[in-house]
Amino acid sequence: MSDLIREGAMKLGLAADDEKIAKIERFISEIELFNPVYRLVSYRERDELIIRHVLDSMAGVPELITLAKGRPIADLGSGAGFPGIIIAIFYDGPVVLVERMKRRVDFLRNVILRCNLKNVRVVCKDVSEVDEKFPVITCRAFHPVYDIISDVDRILETDGVFCAYKGRQSYLQAETENLGKYTCTSVPLKVPFLDEERCLALIRREEV
């Protein structure tokens, strides 16, 4: 397991020392333990879990770290902790996991303790109920952009950026063609060992 994670991190240009690898392995073990009951994420075998969820989440981390510059990153609808937990393992700044379902919140808090993540906190609220503002907001396998942009608008700082993990560019275009005061640029993501199209949508308010 560690060789696949380590090689994936290397391909993405992420420094993955033994401590980080151990935290990721612990995170994976917690998912494998609780997934049969909690149904946190879909996968058939461990390698699929690592490639389609762990490495997929890792693929956007370099861009997110560059954008955040030590400031908070909020992960909306964090669910099983993708990408929020993975971000927190590689990022020194604060990470906020927003999740409304109590059993998933309990799982996330357990992972935070088991992985000894000091830079993470969980907000147990629906996105529409969050009353903080963030400079960088992300999400993965959540709602379409057009579905949540009004909630994001309310909690995104004035010069902030909303970074949505997405698949095909054509799907992203359909989600972002009528965003009003927002503009969207796309950063292609190459997920190690996965031959599928991925991108990170960077959505910002238009300058006035």
N, C-alpha and C. Protein backbone atom coordinates (compact mmCIF):
# COMPACT_ATOMS: atom_id res chain seq x y z
N MET A 1 0.83 -1.21 0.00
CA MET A 1 0.00 0.00 0.00
C MET A 1 0.86 1.26 0.00
N SER A 2 1.89 1.29 0.86
CA SER A 2 2.70 2.50 0.98
C SER A 2 3.46 2.80 -0.30
N ASP A 3 3.89 1.76 -1.05
CA ASP A 3 4.63 2.00 -2.30
C ASP A 3 3.76 2.71 -3.32
N LEU A 4 2.49 2.33 -3.43
CA LEU A 4 1.57 2.96 -4.37
C LEU A 4 1.34 4.42 -3.99
N ILE A 5 1.15 4.67 -2.71
CA ILE A 5 0.93 6.05 -2.25
C ILE A 5 2.19 6.89 -2.46
N ARG A 6 3.34 6.33 -2.09
CA ARG A 6 4.60 7.06 -2.21
C ARG A 6 4.91 7.40 -3.67
N GLU A 7 4.73 6.42 -4.56
CA GLU A 7 5.00 6.67 -5.98
C GLU A 7 4.02 7.68 -6.55
N GLY A 8 2.75 7.59 -6.13
CA GLY A 8 1.76 8.56 -6.59
C GLY A 8 2.11 9.97 -6.15
N ALA A 9 2.52 10.12 -4.90
CA ALA A 9 2.92 11.44 -4.38
C ALA A 9 4.11 11.98 -5.15
N MET A 10 5.08 11.11 -5.44
CA MET A 10 6.26 11.53 -6.18
C MET A 10 5.89 12.03 -7.57
N LYS A 11 4.99 11.32 -8.25
CA LYS A 11 4.54 11.74 -9.58
C LYS A 11 3.86 13.11 -9.54
N LEU A 12 3.23 13.43 -8.40
CA LEU A 12 2.53 14.71 -8.25
C LEU A 12 3.42 15.81 -7.69
N GLY A 13 4.66 15.48 -7.38
CA GLY A 13 5.59 16.47 -6.85
C GLY A 13 5.34 16.82 -5.39
N LEU A 14 4.70 15.90 -4.66
CA LEU A 14 4.41 16.13 -3.25
C LEU A 14 5.43 15.39 -2.38
N ALA A 15 5.93 16.07 -1.37
CA ALA A 15 6.88 15.45 -0.45
C ALA A 15 6.11 14.58 0.54
N ALA A 16 6.30 13.27 0.42
CA ALA A 16 5.57 12.32 1.28
C ALA A 16 6.59 11.55 2.12
N ASP A 17 6.88 12.07 3.31
CA ASP A 17 7.81 11.37 4.20
C ASP A 17 7.08 10.22 4.89
N ASP A 18 7.82 9.48 5.73
CA ASP A 18 7.23 8.31 6.38
C ASP A 18 6.04 8.67 7.26
N GLU A 19 6.10 9.84 7.89
CA GLU A 19 4.99 10.26 8.77
C GLU A 19 3.72 10.49 7.97
N LYS A 20 3.84 11.18 6.85
CA LYS A 20 2.67 11.43 6.00
C LYS A 20 2.10 10.13 5.43
N ILE A 21 2.98 9.25 4.98
CA ILE A 21 2.53 7.96 4.45
C ILE A 21 1.78 7.18 5.53
N ALA A 22 2.31 7.20 6.75
CA ALA A 22 1.67 6.48 7.85
C ALA A 22 0.29 7.04 8.15
N LYS A 23 0.14 8.36 8.08
CA LYS A 23 -1.17 8.98 8.31
C LYS A 23 -2.17 8.58 7.23
N ILE A 24 -1.71 8.57 5.99
CA ILE A 24 -2.60 8.17 4.89
C ILE A 24 -3.01 6.71 5.05
N GLU A 25 -2.07 5.86 5.41
CA GLU A 25 -2.39 4.44 5.61
C GLU A 25 -3.39 4.25 6.75
N ARG A 26 -3.23 5.05 7.81
CA ARG A 26 -4.16 4.97 8.94
C ARG A 26 -5.55 5.41 8.50
N PHE A 27 -5.60 6.47 7.71
CA PHE A 27 -6.86 6.98 7.16
C PHE A 27 -7.54 5.90 6.33
N ILE A 28 -6.78 5.24 5.45
CA ILE A 28 -7.33 4.18 4.62
C ILE A 28 -7.86 3.04 5.49
N SER A 29 -7.12 2.68 6.52
CA SER A 29 -7.55 1.60 7.41
C SER A 29 -8.87 1.94 8.10
N GLU A 30 -9.04 3.21 8.48
CA GLU A 30 -10.29 3.63 9.12
C GLU A 30 -11.45 3.55 8.14
N ILE A 31 -11.22 3.93 6.89
CA ILE A 31 -12.27 3.80 5.87
C ILE A 31 -12.65 2.34 5.68
N GLU A 32 -11.64 1.47 5.57
CA GLU A 32 -11.92 0.05 5.38
C GLU A 32 -12.68 -0.54 6.57
N LEU A 33 -12.42 -0.03 7.76
CA LEU A 33 -13.09 -0.52 8.97
C LEU A 33 -14.55 -0.08 9.02
N PHE A 34 -14.79 1.20 8.71
CA PHE A 34 -16.12 1.77 8.91
C PHE A 34 -17.00 1.77 7.67
N ASN A 35 -16.41 1.62 6.48
CA ASN A 35 -17.19 1.74 5.25
C ASN A 35 -18.34 0.73 5.13
N PRO A 36 -18.15 -0.53 5.57
CA PRO A 36 -19.26 -1.48 5.45
C PRO A 36 -20.54 -1.04 6.17
N VAL A 37 -20.38 -0.27 7.25
CA VAL A 37 -21.53 0.19 8.02
C VAL A 37 -21.96 1.60 7.59
N TYR A 38 -20.98 2.49 7.44
CA TYR A 38 -21.28 3.90 7.17
C TYR A 38 -21.48 4.20 5.69
N ARG A 39 -20.99 3.31 4.80
CA ARG A 39 -21.08 3.53 3.36
C ARG A 39 -20.55 4.91 2.98
N LEU A 40 -19.31 5.14 3.32
CA LEU A 40 -18.68 6.44 3.15
C LEU A 40 -18.29 6.71 1.70
N VAL A 41 -17.78 5.68 1.02
CA VAL A 41 -17.22 5.89 -0.31
C VAL A 41 -17.31 4.57 -1.08
N SER A 42 -17.39 4.69 -2.41
CA SER A 42 -17.55 3.50 -3.26
C SER A 42 -16.19 3.03 -3.79
N TYR A 43 -15.88 1.75 -3.56
CA TYR A 43 -14.70 1.12 -4.13
C TYR A 43 -14.84 -0.38 -3.97
N ARG A 44 -14.06 -1.14 -4.75
CA ARG A 44 -14.14 -2.60 -4.69
C ARG A 44 -12.93 -3.22 -4.01
N GLU A 45 -11.77 -2.64 -4.20
CA GLU A 45 -10.56 -3.16 -3.59
C GLU A 45 -9.65 -2.01 -3.19
N ARG A 46 -8.64 -2.34 -2.38
CA ARG A 46 -7.80 -1.29 -1.81
C ARG A 46 -7.12 -0.42 -2.85
N ASP A 47 -6.55 -1.02 -3.90
CA ASP A 47 -5.88 -0.21 -4.91
C ASP A 47 -6.83 0.79 -5.56
N GLU A 48 -8.08 0.39 -5.76
CA GLU A 48 -9.07 1.31 -6.33
C GLU A 48 -9.35 2.45 -5.36
N LEU A 49 -9.43 2.14 -4.07
CA LEU A 49 -9.62 3.18 -3.06
C LEU A 49 -8.46 4.17 -3.10
N ILE A 50 -7.25 3.66 -3.20
CA ILE A 50 -6.07 4.53 -3.20
C ILE A 50 -6.03 5.39 -4.46
N ILE A 51 -6.23 4.78 -5.62
CA ILE A 51 -6.10 5.53 -6.88
C ILE A 51 -7.26 6.49 -7.09
N ARG A 52 -8.49 5.99 -6.96
CA ARG A 52 -9.66 6.79 -7.32
C ARG A 52 -10.05 7.82 -6.25
N HIS A 53 -9.57 7.64 -5.05
CA HIS A 53 -9.96 8.57 -3.99
C HIS A 53 -8.77 9.27 -3.34
N VAL A 54 -7.77 8.50 -2.90
CA VAL A 54 -6.62 9.12 -2.25
C VAL A 54 -5.78 9.91 -3.26
N LEU A 55 -5.33 9.25 -4.33
CA LEU A 55 -4.48 9.93 -5.31
C LEU A 55 -5.27 10.99 -6.08
N ASP A 56 -6.54 10.72 -6.34
CA ASP A 56 -7.39 11.71 -7.00
C ASP A 56 -7.46 12.99 -6.16
N SER A 57 -7.60 12.84 -4.85
CA SER A 57 -7.61 14.00 -3.95
C SER A 57 -6.25 14.68 -3.92
N MET A 58 -5.19 13.87 -3.90
CA MET A 58 -3.83 14.42 -3.86
C MET A 58 -3.50 15.24 -5.10
N ALA A 59 -4.12 14.90 -6.24
CA ALA A 59 -3.79 15.57 -7.50
C ALA A 59 -4.03 17.07 -7.45
N GLY A 60 -5.00 17.51 -6.67
CA GLY A 60 -5.30 18.94 -6.58
C GLY A 60 -4.56 19.67 -5.48
N VAL A 61 -3.85 18.94 -4.62
CA VAL A 61 -3.22 19.54 -3.44
C VAL A 61 -2.15 20.58 -3.80
N PRO A 62 -1.25 20.34 -4.76
CA PRO A 62 -0.25 21.37 -5.06
C PRO A 62 -0.87 22.72 -5.44
N GLU A 63 -1.92 22.69 -6.25
CA GLU A 63 -2.59 23.93 -6.66
C GLU A 63 -3.27 24.60 -5.47
N LEU A 64 -3.92 23.81 -4.61
CA LEU A 64 -4.60 24.35 -3.44
C LEU A 64 -3.62 24.99 -2.46
N ILE A 65 -2.49 24.35 -2.25
CA ILE A 65 -1.48 24.90 -1.35
C ILE A 65 -0.96 26.22 -1.89
N THR A 66 -0.73 26.29 -3.19
CA THR A 66 -0.25 27.52 -3.82
C THR A 66 -1.25 28.65 -3.66
N LEU A 67 -2.53 28.35 -3.84
CA LEU A 67 -3.58 29.37 -3.73
C LEU A 67 -3.79 29.82 -2.29
N ALA A 68 -3.73 28.88 -1.35
CA ALA A 68 -4.09 29.19 0.03
C ALA A 68 -3.00 29.98 0.75
N LYS A 69 -1.73 29.70 0.50
CA LYS A 69 -0.62 30.43 1.10
C LYS A 69 -0.73 30.50 2.62
N GLY A 70 -1.03 29.38 3.23
CA GLY A 70 -1.10 29.32 4.69
C GLY A 70 -2.44 29.70 5.28
N ARG A 71 -3.37 30.19 4.45
CA ARG A 71 -4.70 30.58 4.93
C ARG A 71 -5.63 29.36 4.99
N PRO A 72 -6.78 29.50 5.63
CA PRO A 72 -7.69 28.35 5.76
C PRO A 72 -8.23 27.85 4.42
N ILE A 73 -8.39 26.53 4.33
CA ILE A 73 -9.07 25.88 3.22
C ILE A 73 -10.29 25.16 3.78
N ALA A 74 -11.46 25.40 3.21
CA ALA A 74 -12.69 24.72 3.64
C ALA A 74 -13.07 23.68 2.61
N ASP A 75 -13.39 22.48 3.08
CA ASP A 75 -13.85 21.39 2.21
C ASP A 75 -15.34 21.17 2.45
N LEU A 76 -16.15 21.47 1.46
CA LEU A 76 -17.60 21.37 1.60
C LEU A 76 -18.08 19.95 1.32
N GLY A 77 -19.00 19.46 2.16
CA GLY A 77 -19.52 18.11 2.00
C GLY A 77 -18.40 17.09 2.07
N SER A 78 -17.60 17.19 3.11
CA SER A 78 -16.34 16.41 3.19
C SER A 78 -16.57 14.91 3.18
N GLY A 79 -17.69 14.44 3.70
CA GLY A 79 -18.04 13.01 3.62
C GLY A 79 -17.03 12.11 4.28
N ALA A 80 -16.33 11.31 3.47
CA ALA A 80 -15.32 10.39 3.99
C ALA A 80 -13.97 11.08 4.25
N GLY A 81 -13.90 12.37 3.91
CA GLY A 81 -12.65 13.11 4.11
C GLY A 81 -11.86 13.35 2.85
N PHE A 82 -12.51 13.18 1.70
CA PHE A 82 -11.88 13.47 0.42
C PHE A 82 -12.46 14.74 -0.16
N PRO A 83 -11.65 15.76 -0.42
CA PRO A 83 -10.18 15.75 -0.30
C PRO A 83 -9.65 16.29 1.03
N GLY A 84 -10.53 16.71 1.96
CA GLY A 84 -10.11 17.48 3.12
C GLY A 84 -9.02 16.84 3.97
N ILE A 85 -9.17 15.56 4.32
CA ILE A 85 -8.17 14.90 5.14
C ILE A 85 -6.83 14.81 4.41
N ILE A 86 -6.88 14.49 3.13
CA ILE A 86 -5.66 14.41 2.34
C ILE A 86 -4.98 15.77 2.26
N ILE A 87 -5.75 16.83 2.06
CA ILE A 87 -5.19 18.18 2.05
C ILE A 87 -4.49 18.45 3.37
N ALA A 88 -5.15 18.14 4.47
CA ALA A 88 -4.62 18.44 5.80
C ALA A 88 -3.32 17.72 6.09
N ILE A 89 -3.14 16.53 5.52
CA ILE A 89 -1.90 15.78 5.73
C ILE A 89 -0.72 16.47 5.06
N PHE A 90 -0.95 17.12 3.93
CA PHE A 90 0.15 17.75 3.18
C PHE A 90 0.27 19.26 3.42
N TYR A 91 -0.75 19.86 3.99
CA TYR A 91 -0.80 21.33 4.13
C TYR A 91 -0.60 21.71 5.59
N ASP A 92 0.24 22.72 5.81
CA ASP A 92 0.52 23.16 7.18
C ASP A 92 -0.55 24.11 7.72
N GLY A 93 -1.32 24.74 6.83
CA GLY A 93 -2.33 25.69 7.26
C GLY A 93 -3.59 25.02 7.75
N PRO A 94 -4.56 25.82 8.25
CA PRO A 94 -5.81 25.26 8.78
C PRO A 94 -6.73 24.72 7.70
N VAL A 95 -7.39 23.60 8.02
CA VAL A 95 -8.36 22.99 7.12
C VAL A 95 -9.67 22.79 7.88
N VAL A 96 -10.78 23.18 7.26
CA VAL A 96 -12.10 23.07 7.88
C VAL A 96 -12.95 22.11 7.05
N LEU A 97 -13.45 21.06 7.68
CA LEU A 97 -14.29 20.08 7.01
C LEU A 97 -15.75 20.38 7.33
N VAL A 98 -16.52 20.70 6.31
CA VAL A 98 -17.95 21.00 6.48
C VAL A 98 -18.75 19.78 6.08
N GLU A 99 -19.48 19.22 7.02
CA GLU A 99 -20.27 18.01 6.77
C GLU A 99 -21.52 18.03 7.63
N ARG A 100 -22.68 17.77 7.03
CA ARG A 100 -23.93 17.89 7.76
C ARG A 100 -24.38 16.59 8.41
N MET A 101 -23.92 15.42 7.91
CA MET A 101 -24.40 14.14 8.42
C MET A 101 -23.60 13.73 9.67
N LYS A 102 -24.33 13.48 10.76
CA LYS A 102 -23.69 13.23 12.06
C LYS A 102 -22.77 12.03 12.03
N ARG A 103 -23.16 10.93 11.39
CA ARG A 103 -22.29 9.75 11.40
C ARG A 103 -21.00 10.00 10.64
N ARG A 104 -21.05 10.80 9.59
CA ARG A 104 -19.83 11.13 8.86
C ARG A 104 -18.97 12.10 9.66
N VAL A 105 -19.62 13.00 10.38
CA VAL A 105 -18.88 13.90 11.27
C VAL A 105 -18.15 13.10 12.33
N ASP A 106 -18.83 12.11 12.91
CA ASP A 106 -18.19 11.25 13.91
C ASP A 106 -17.00 10.52 13.31
N PHE A 107 -17.16 10.02 12.09
CA PHE A 107 -16.05 9.35 11.41
C PHE A 107 -14.88 10.30 11.20
N LEU A 108 -15.16 11.50 10.73
CA LEU A 108 -14.10 12.48 10.46
C LEU A 108 -13.35 12.84 11.73
N ARG A 109 -14.08 13.05 12.81
CA ARG A 109 -13.43 13.39 14.08
C ARG A 109 -12.57 12.25 14.58
N ASN A 110 -13.00 11.04 14.35
CA ASN A 110 -12.20 9.87 14.72
C ASN A 110 -10.91 9.81 13.90
N VAL A 111 -11.02 10.08 12.60
CA VAL A 111 -9.84 10.09 11.73
C VAL A 111 -8.85 11.16 12.17
N ILE A 112 -9.37 12.32 12.50
CA ILE A 112 -8.50 13.43 12.96
C ILE A 112 -7.69 13.01 14.18
N LEU A 113 -8.34 12.32 15.10
CA LEU A 113 -7.65 11.84 16.30
C LEU A 113 -6.66 10.73 15.96
N ARG A 114 -7.09 9.76 15.15
CA ARG A 114 -6.25 8.61 14.82
C ARG A 114 -5.02 9.03 14.01
N CYS A 115 -5.18 10.05 13.18
CA CYS A 115 -4.07 10.52 12.34
C CYS A 115 -3.30 11.67 12.98
N ASN A 116 -3.73 12.08 14.16
CA ASN A 116 -3.05 13.17 14.89
C ASN A 116 -2.92 14.43 14.04
N LEU A 117 -4.04 14.85 13.48
CA LEU A 117 -4.06 16.03 12.63
C LEU A 117 -4.45 17.25 13.48
N LYS A 118 -3.49 18.11 13.71
CA LYS A 118 -3.69 19.26 14.60
C LYS A 118 -4.27 20.47 13.88
N ASN A 119 -4.27 20.44 12.56
CA ASN A 119 -4.67 21.62 11.78
C ASN A 119 -6.08 21.51 11.21
N VAL A 120 -6.88 20.56 11.71
CA VAL A 120 -8.21 20.31 11.14
C VAL A 120 -9.30 20.45 12.19
N ARG A 121 -10.41 21.02 11.77
CA ARG A 121 -11.62 20.99 12.60
C ARG A 121 -12.82 20.69 11.72
N VAL A 122 -13.87 20.18 12.33
CA VAL A 122 -15.08 19.80 11.60
C VAL A 122 -16.22 20.73 11.98
N VAL A 123 -16.95 21.20 11.00
CA VAL A 123 -18.15 22.00 11.21
C VAL A 123 -19.34 21.13 10.82
N CYS A 124 -20.16 20.78 11.81
CA CYS A 124 -21.31 19.90 11.57
C CYS A 124 -22.53 20.75 11.21
N LYS A 125 -22.57 21.16 9.93
CA LYS A 125 -23.66 22.00 9.43
C LYS A 125 -23.86 21.74 7.95
N ASP A 126 -25.05 22.02 7.47
CA ASP A 126 -25.28 22.09 6.05
C ASP A 126 -24.55 23.33 5.52
N VAL A 127 -24.11 23.28 4.28
CA VAL A 127 -23.39 24.42 3.71
C VAL A 127 -24.20 25.70 3.82
N SER A 128 -25.50 25.60 3.67
CA SER A 128 -26.38 26.78 3.74
C SER A 128 -26.42 27.41 5.13
N GLU A 129 -25.94 26.67 6.15
CA GLU A 129 -25.98 27.16 7.52
C GLU A 129 -24.63 27.68 8.03
N VAL A 130 -23.60 27.51 7.23
CA VAL A 130 -22.26 27.95 7.66
C VAL A 130 -22.22 29.47 7.74
N ASP A 131 -21.64 29.98 8.83
CA ASP A 131 -21.63 31.43 9.03
C ASP A 131 -20.21 32.00 9.11
N GLU A 132 -19.25 31.31 8.49
CA GLU A 132 -17.88 31.80 8.40
C GLU A 132 -17.56 32.12 6.94
N LYS A 133 -16.49 32.87 6.74
CA LYS A 133 -16.01 33.13 5.39
C LYS A 133 -14.61 32.53 5.24
N PHE A 134 -14.31 32.06 4.02
CA PHE A 134 -13.04 31.40 3.77
C PHE A 134 -12.38 31.95 2.50
N PRO A 135 -11.05 32.01 2.49
CA PRO A 135 -10.36 32.49 1.28
C PRO A 135 -10.28 31.43 0.18
N VAL A 136 -10.26 30.16 0.58
CA VAL A 136 -10.21 29.06 -0.38
C VAL A 136 -11.23 28.01 0.04
N ILE A 137 -12.09 27.65 -0.90
CA ILE A 137 -13.12 26.63 -0.66
C ILE A 137 -12.97 25.56 -1.73
N THR A 138 -13.07 24.31 -1.32
CA THR A 138 -12.99 23.22 -2.27
C THR A 138 -14.11 22.22 -2.03
N CYS A 139 -14.30 21.31 -2.97
CA CYS A 139 -15.24 20.20 -2.80
C CYS A 139 -14.93 19.16 -3.86
N ARG A 140 -15.36 17.94 -3.58
CA ARG A 140 -15.13 16.83 -4.52
C ARG A 140 -16.34 15.90 -4.43
N ALA A 141 -16.84 15.48 -5.58
CA ALA A 141 -18.00 14.58 -5.62
C ALA A 141 -19.16 15.16 -4.82
N PHE A 142 -19.36 16.46 -4.94
CA PHE A 142 -20.42 17.16 -4.22
C PHE A 142 -21.46 17.58 -5.25
N HIS A 143 -22.15 18.68 -5.01
CA HIS A 143 -23.18 19.14 -5.95
C HIS A 143 -22.56 19.75 -7.20
N PRO A 144 -23.32 19.83 -8.31
CA PRO A 144 -22.86 20.61 -9.46
C PRO A 144 -22.61 22.06 -9.05
N VAL A 145 -21.70 22.71 -9.74
CA VAL A 145 -21.32 24.08 -9.39
C VAL A 145 -22.53 25.00 -9.36
N TYR A 146 -23.38 24.92 -10.38
CA TYR A 146 -24.52 25.82 -10.44
C TYR A 146 -25.49 25.63 -9.28
N ASP A 147 -25.45 24.46 -8.65
CA ASP A 147 -26.34 24.14 -7.54
C ASP A 147 -25.93 24.78 -6.22
N ILE A 148 -24.63 25.01 -6.06
CA ILE A 148 -24.14 25.50 -4.76
C ILE A 148 -23.45 26.86 -4.82
N ILE A 149 -23.41 27.46 -6.00
CA ILE A 149 -22.66 28.71 -6.14
C ILE A 149 -23.21 29.82 -5.25
N SER A 150 -24.52 29.85 -5.02
CA SER A 150 -25.07 30.90 -4.16
C SER A 150 -24.64 30.72 -2.70
N ASP A 151 -24.57 29.47 -2.24
CA ASP A 151 -24.08 29.21 -0.88
C ASP A 151 -22.59 29.50 -0.78
N VAL A 152 -21.84 29.14 -1.81
CA VAL A 152 -20.41 29.43 -1.83
C VAL A 152 -20.18 30.94 -1.82
N ASP A 153 -20.98 31.66 -2.60
CA ASP A 153 -20.85 33.12 -2.68
C ASP A 153 -20.97 33.76 -1.30
N ARG A 154 -21.84 33.22 -0.49
CA ARG A 154 -22.09 33.79 0.84
C ARG A 154 -20.93 33.59 1.81
N ILE A 155 -20.15 32.49 1.63
CA ILE A 155 -19.08 32.19 2.60
C ILE A 155 -17.67 32.35 2.01
N LEU A 156 -17.58 32.81 0.76
CA LEU A 156 -16.28 33.02 0.13
C LEU A 156 -15.82 34.46 0.35
N GLU A 157 -14.59 34.62 0.80
CA GLU A 157 -14.06 35.97 1.00
C GLU A 157 -14.02 36.73 -0.32
N THR A 158 -13.96 38.04 -0.23
CA THR A 158 -14.08 38.90 -1.41
C THR A 158 -13.14 38.50 -2.54
N ASP A 159 -11.88 38.24 -2.22
CA ASP A 159 -10.91 37.88 -3.24
C ASP A 159 -10.62 36.37 -3.23
N GLY A 160 -11.57 35.60 -2.70
CA GLY A 160 -11.36 34.16 -2.54
C GLY A 160 -11.54 33.39 -3.84
N VAL A 161 -11.22 32.10 -3.77
CA VAL A 161 -11.35 31.23 -4.93
C VAL A 161 -12.02 29.92 -4.52
N PHE A 162 -12.95 29.49 -5.33
CA PHE A 162 -13.67 28.24 -5.14
C PHE A 162 -13.05 27.22 -6.08
N CYS A 163 -12.48 26.15 -5.52
CA CYS A 163 -11.74 25.15 -6.30
C CYS A 163 -12.49 23.84 -6.27
N ALA A 164 -13.16 23.51 -7.35
CA ALA A 164 -13.99 22.31 -7.40
C ALA A 164 -13.30 21.21 -8.19
N TYR A 165 -13.13 20.04 -7.56
CA TYR A 165 -12.61 18.87 -8.26
C TYR A 165 -13.67 18.39 -9.25
N LYS A 166 -13.27 18.23 -10.51
CA LYS A 166 -14.22 17.80 -11.53
C LYS A 166 -13.58 16.78 -12.47
N GLY A 167 -14.42 16.15 -13.28
CA GLY A 167 -13.96 15.15 -14.23
C GLY A 167 -13.71 15.76 -15.60
N ARG A 168 -14.55 15.42 -16.56
CA ARG A 168 -14.35 15.89 -17.92
C ARG A 168 -14.60 17.39 -18.06
N GLN A 169 -13.80 18.01 -18.93
CA GLN A 169 -13.97 19.44 -19.20
C GLN A 169 -15.36 19.74 -19.74
N SER A 170 -15.91 18.83 -20.54
CA SER A 170 -17.24 19.07 -21.11
C SER A 170 -18.30 19.13 -20.02
N TYR A 171 -18.16 18.29 -18.98
CA TYR A 171 -19.10 18.33 -17.86
C TYR A 171 -18.96 19.63 -17.10
N LEU A 172 -17.70 20.04 -16.89
CA LEU A 172 -17.45 21.30 -16.17
C LEU A 172 -18.06 22.48 -16.92
N GLN A 173 -17.90 22.50 -18.23
CA GLN A 173 -18.45 23.59 -19.03
C GLN A 173 -19.96 23.69 -18.86
N ALA A 174 -20.63 22.54 -18.83
CA ALA A 174 -22.07 22.54 -18.65
C ALA A 174 -22.48 23.07 -17.28
N GLU A 175 -21.63 22.85 -16.27
CA GLU A 175 -21.94 23.30 -14.92
C GLU A 175 -21.65 24.79 -14.70
N THR A 176 -20.81 25.37 -15.55
CA THR A 176 -20.31 26.73 -15.26
C THR A 176 -20.62 27.75 -16.36
N GLU A 177 -21.48 27.41 -17.32
CA GLU A 177 -21.69 28.32 -18.44
C GLU A 177 -22.56 29.53 -18.09
N ASN A 178 -23.30 29.46 -16.97
CA ASN A 178 -24.15 30.59 -16.57
C ASN A 178 -23.92 30.94 -15.10
N LEU A 179 -22.70 31.38 -14.77
CA LEU A 179 -22.35 31.67 -13.37
C LEU A 179 -22.50 33.13 -13.00
N GLY A 180 -23.00 33.94 -13.91
CA GLY A 180 -23.21 35.34 -13.58
C GLY A 180 -21.91 36.07 -13.31
N LYS A 181 -21.73 36.52 -12.06
CA LYS A 181 -20.58 37.37 -11.73
C LYS A 181 -19.29 36.59 -11.52
N TYR A 182 -19.31 35.29 -11.79
CA TYR A 182 -18.13 34.46 -11.61
C TYR A 182 -17.48 34.09 -12.93
N THR A 183 -16.15 33.93 -12.89
CA THR A 183 -15.42 33.40 -14.03
C THR A 183 -14.75 32.09 -13.61
N CYS A 184 -14.58 31.21 -14.57
CA CYS A 184 -14.03 29.89 -14.27
C CYS A 184 -12.85 29.58 -15.19
N THR A 185 -11.73 29.21 -14.60
CA THR A 185 -10.61 28.67 -15.34
C THR A 185 -10.39 27.23 -14.87
N SER A 186 -9.77 26.44 -15.71
CA SER A 186 -9.63 25.02 -15.40
C SER A 186 -8.16 24.60 -15.42
N VAL A 187 -7.77 23.89 -14.38
CA VAL A 187 -6.40 23.34 -14.30
C VAL A 187 -6.49 21.83 -14.51
N PRO A 188 -5.90 21.30 -15.58
CA PRO A 188 -5.93 19.84 -15.79
C PRO A 188 -5.19 19.12 -14.66
N LEU A 189 -5.75 18.01 -14.22
CA LEU A 189 -5.11 17.19 -13.19
C LEU A 189 -4.78 15.82 -13.79
N LYS A 190 -3.58 15.36 -13.51
CA LYS A 190 -3.19 14.02 -13.95
C LYS A 190 -3.10 13.13 -12.71
N VAL A 191 -4.08 12.28 -12.52
CA VAL A 191 -4.10 11.38 -11.37
C VAL A 191 -3.21 10.18 -11.68
N PRO A 192 -2.19 9.93 -10.87
CA PRO A 192 -1.30 8.80 -11.14
C PRO A 192 -2.07 7.48 -11.23
N PHE A 193 -1.71 6.68 -12.23
CA PHE A 193 -2.26 5.33 -12.45
C PHE A 193 -3.74 5.33 -12.86
N LEU A 194 -4.26 6.51 -13.24
CA LEU A 194 -5.66 6.60 -13.66
C LEU A 194 -5.73 7.25 -15.04
N ASP A 195 -6.23 6.55 -16.01
CA ASP A 195 -6.32 7.06 -17.37
C ASP A 195 -7.71 7.64 -17.61
N GLU A 196 -8.03 8.68 -16.85
CA GLU A 196 -9.31 9.35 -16.99
C GLU A 196 -9.10 10.85 -16.84
N GLU A 197 -9.96 11.62 -17.48
CA GLU A 197 -9.82 13.08 -17.45
C GLU A 197 -10.27 13.64 -16.10
N ARG A 198 -9.43 14.49 -15.54
CA ARG A 198 -9.73 15.18 -14.29
C ARG A 198 -9.27 16.63 -14.40
N CYS A 199 -9.94 17.51 -13.68
CA CYS A 199 -9.52 18.91 -13.65
C CYS A 199 -9.93 19.56 -12.34
N LEU A 200 -9.32 20.69 -12.05
CA LEU A 200 -9.69 21.49 -10.90
C LEU A 200 -10.23 22.81 -11.42
N ALA A 201 -11.51 23.08 -11.16
CA ALA A 201 -12.14 24.33 -11.61
C ALA A 201 -11.82 25.43 -10.60
N LEU A 202 -11.23 26.52 -11.08
CA LEU A 202 -10.92 27.67 -10.22
C LEU A 202 -11.92 28.76 -10.54
N ILE A 203 -12.81 29.00 -9.60
CA ILE A 203 -13.94 29.91 -9.82
C ILE A 203 -13.77 31.13 -8.94
N ARG A 204 -13.75 32.30 -9.58
CA ARG A 204 -13.54 33.57 -8.88
C ARG A 204 -14.60 34.58 -9.29
N ARG A 205 -14.84 35.54 -8.41
CA ARG A 205 -15.71 36.67 -8.78
C ARG A 205 -15.01 37.51 -9.83
N GLU A 206 -15.81 38.03 -10.75
CA GLU A 206 -15.24 38.92 -11.77
C GLU A 206 -14.78 40.22 -11.12
N GLU A 207 -13.67 40.75 -11.59
CA GLU A 207 -13.19 42.03 -11.07
C GLU A 207 -14.07 43.15 -11.58
N VAL A 208 -14.35 44.10 -10.69
CA VAL A 208 -15.21 45.24 -11.09
C VAL A 208 -14.43 46.53 -10.98
